[in-house]
Amino acid sequence: RDFFTKEECHIFMDAADRSASVGSAAGKFYSNQPGLNRYPVRKLDLEAQMLSDSVLKDRLLPLLQRSSFCEELFGTSQPKDLKAFFSPGEPAVNRYITGGAIAPHIDREQLTLNVLLSEPGAFQG
């Protein structure tokens, strides 16, 4: 089962595109690598913000709750009792320009969720 529908992926992609088209500084401010623009969801339109919140609460948390992963990582089997904490500028939509990439890194968080919004085969790498 896919975590996002194709339509939901387009909500994020379109919101980032709209932000870029109006010259939002957010894409460059939160990015420190060439060829990458990062658009924090909180800087995108309301539809993208609401979808992000819904996905975290209604899909990710129940998924964690059904596995032993939550107990092992957080010391509780009730993820709804945990307080969400995000790195600065997260959650975000990363918008790559031809030749752009994100360097391998360690973000020091206990959990990272990456969702590919582009169609398979839309890029190389």
Foldseek 3Di string as FASTA:
>chain_A
DALDDLVLLVVQVVQVVVCVVVPNCQQVVPDDWPQKGKAQQVNTDPVSVVVVVCSVPVPVQVVQLVDCNCCVQPVDSRCVPDDDDDDPSPPIDMDGGVVDDDDDDDPPDSDDDDDDSDDPPPDDD
